Amino acid sequence: MDETSMSPSKIYLELILAYFEYMGLKGFKNRHLWTNPPDKGVDYIFNIHTDSQKYLDKDGLIAWYHKILQQGKTTRLLAGYRNFEEEFKKKGFNHPIDLPVFVNSLWCKILKSFNNE
């Protein structure tokens, strides 16, 4: 890469922040960002990876998301951000509907198991 090009990681960071900005302009006040670390060969947000691309482990992925969110806060695109633990301490989860449910997440699987009983 020459000095004028951006790394894929930087491009992905900018795309996610641009999406957050776009959704804010559409009136959304809250955004959720969730994913499990992918296994090699499994793609989530961006569906094309080179064979040589580094896959982050759980801690690396969390750090990368924190970098994105911190940049959003620094540039005033985001007022702030919290993880589930911080959100729980702030206002608690009093009802099942208070929990954001993401496709194939732990809560989604638990709720499906109740539905199947």
Protein backbone atom coordinates (compact mmCIF):
# COMPACT_ATOMS: atom_id res chain seq x y z
CA MET A 1 0.00 0.00 0.00
CA ASP A 2 1.24 3.46 -0.74
CA GLU A 3 0.98 6.32 1.73
CA THR A 4 -2.30 7.59 0.24
CA SER A 5 -4.16 4.30 0.60
CA MET A 6 -6.04 3.17 3.67
CA SER A 7 -5.89 -0.23 5.33
CA PRO A 8 -9.03 -2.37 5.11
CA SER A 9 -9.44 -2.00 8.88
CA LYS A 10 -9.47 1.80 8.58
CA ILE A 11 -11.95 1.64 5.69
CA TYR A 12 -14.26 -0.66 7.69
CA LEU A 13 -14.01 1.71 10.66
CA GLU A 14 -15.02 4.65 8.47
CA LEU A 15 -17.90 2.69 6.91
CA ILE A 16 -19.33 1.76 10.31
CA LEU A 17 -19.08 5.35 11.53
CA ALA A 18 -20.69 6.58 8.30
CA TYR A 19 -23.54 4.12 8.85
CA PHE A 20 -24.00 5.37 12.43
CA GLU A 21 -24.06 8.94 11.14
CA TYR A 22 -26.60 8.07 8.43
CA MET A 23 -28.90 6.32 10.91
CA GLY A 24 -28.61 9.33 13.24
CA LEU A 25 -29.73 11.59 10.40
CA LYS A 26 -32.70 9.25 9.89
CA GLY A 27 -33.73 9.89 13.50
CA PHE A 28 -32.29 6.87 15.29
CA LYS A 29 -30.99 7.87 18.72
CA ASN A 30 -29.58 4.49 19.79
CA ARG A 31 -27.49 2.04 17.87
CA HIS A 32 -26.44 -1.46 18.81
CA LEU A 33 -23.24 -3.09 17.65
CA TRP A 34 -22.96 -6.81 18.29
CA THR A 35 -21.16 -9.77 16.83
CA ASN A 36 -19.35 -12.89 17.88
CA PRO A 37 -15.74 -13.15 16.76
CA PRO A 38 -15.81 -14.95 13.42
CA ASP A 39 -14.13 -18.24 12.72
CA LYS A 40 -11.64 -18.12 9.88
CA GLY A 41 -13.60 -18.27 6.65
CA VAL A 42 -16.80 -16.90 8.22
CA ASP A 43 -17.69 -13.33 7.35
CA TYR A 44 -20.07 -11.00 9.15
CA ILE A 45 -20.35 -7.31 8.35
CA PHE A 46 -17.99 -7.32 5.39
CA ASN A 47 -18.32 -10.47 3.35
CA ILE A 48 -15.05 -10.61 1.45
CA HIS A 49 -11.76 -11.40 3.12
CA THR A 50 -8.44 -12.25 1.57
CA ASP A 51 -6.89 -15.55 2.60
CA SER A 52 -4.10 -13.65 4.32
CA GLN A 53 -6.39 -11.36 6.32
CA LYS A 54 -5.94 -11.51 10.06
CA TYR A 55 -8.99 -12.63 12.04
CA LEU A 56 -9.29 -11.04 15.44
CA ASP A 57 -9.97 -13.09 18.54
CA LYS A 58 -12.63 -11.99 21.04
CA ASP A 59 -10.37 -9.51 22.86
CA GLY A 60 -9.02 -8.10 19.60
CA LEU A 61 -12.52 -7.66 18.20
CA ILE A 62 -13.70 -5.91 21.37
CA ALA A 63 -10.67 -3.59 21.22
CA TRP A 64 -11.38 -2.84 17.55
CA TYR A 65 -15.01 -1.96 18.34
CA HIS A 66 -13.89 0.24 21.23
CA LYS A 67 -11.57 2.04 18.80
CA ILE A 68 -14.49 2.67 16.43
CA LEU A 69 -16.78 3.86 19.21
CA GLN A 70 -14.11 6.05 20.78
CA GLN A 71 -13.43 7.69 17.42
CA GLY A 72 -17.17 8.29 17.04
CA LYS A 73 -17.22 9.93 20.46
CA THR A 74 -14.07 11.98 19.78
CA THR A 75 -15.53 13.33 16.54
CA ARG A 76 -18.88 13.97 18.29
CA LEU A 77 -20.69 11.58 15.99
CA LEU A 78 -21.67 9.59 19.09
CA ALA A 79 -22.61 11.15 22.41
CA GLY A 80 -21.25 8.10 24.19
CA TYR A 81 -21.36 4.34 24.32
CA ARG A 82 -21.86 1.60 26.89
CA ASN A 83 -21.52 -2.15 27.02
CA PHE A 84 -24.21 -4.39 28.53
CA GLU A 85 -22.66 -4.30 32.00
CA GLU A 86 -22.51 -0.50 32.02
CA GLU A 87 -26.06 -0.27 30.68
CA PHE A 88 -27.31 -2.61 33.40
CA LYS A 89 -25.60 -0.52 36.11
CA LYS A 90 -27.12 2.66 34.65
CA LYS A 91 -30.74 1.60 34.38
CA GLY A 92 -31.03 -2.14 34.80
CA PHE A 93 -32.99 -4.66 32.82
CA ASN A 94 -36.34 -5.04 34.55
CA HIS A 95 -38.24 -6.93 31.86
CA PRO A 96 -37.19 -9.33 29.11
CA ILE A 97 -38.16 -6.70 26.55
CA ASP A 98 -35.44 -4.42 27.97
CA LEU A 99 -32.75 -6.70 26.54
CA PRO A 100 -31.75 -6.10 22.94
CA VAL A 101 -32.05 -9.41 21.11
CA PHE A 102 -29.69 -10.09 18.22
CA VAL A 103 -30.02 -12.87 15.67
CA ASN A 104 -28.34 -16.07 16.92
CA SER A 105 -27.22 -14.44 20.17
CA LEU A 106 -27.48 -16.19 23.51
CA TRP A 107 -30.77 -14.46 24.38
CA CYS A 108 -32.25 -15.25 21.00
CA LYS A 109 -31.46 -18.94 21.47
CA ILE A 110 -32.87 -18.96 25.02
CA LEU A 111 -36.09 -17.26 23.92
CA LYS A 112 -36.46 -19.72 21.04
CA SER A 113 -36.07 -22.64 23.45
CA PHE A 114 -38.94 -21.27 25.58
CA ASN A 115 -41.06 -20.92 22.47
CA ASN A 116 -40.41 -24.56 21.53
CA GLU A 117 -41.45 -25.92 24.94
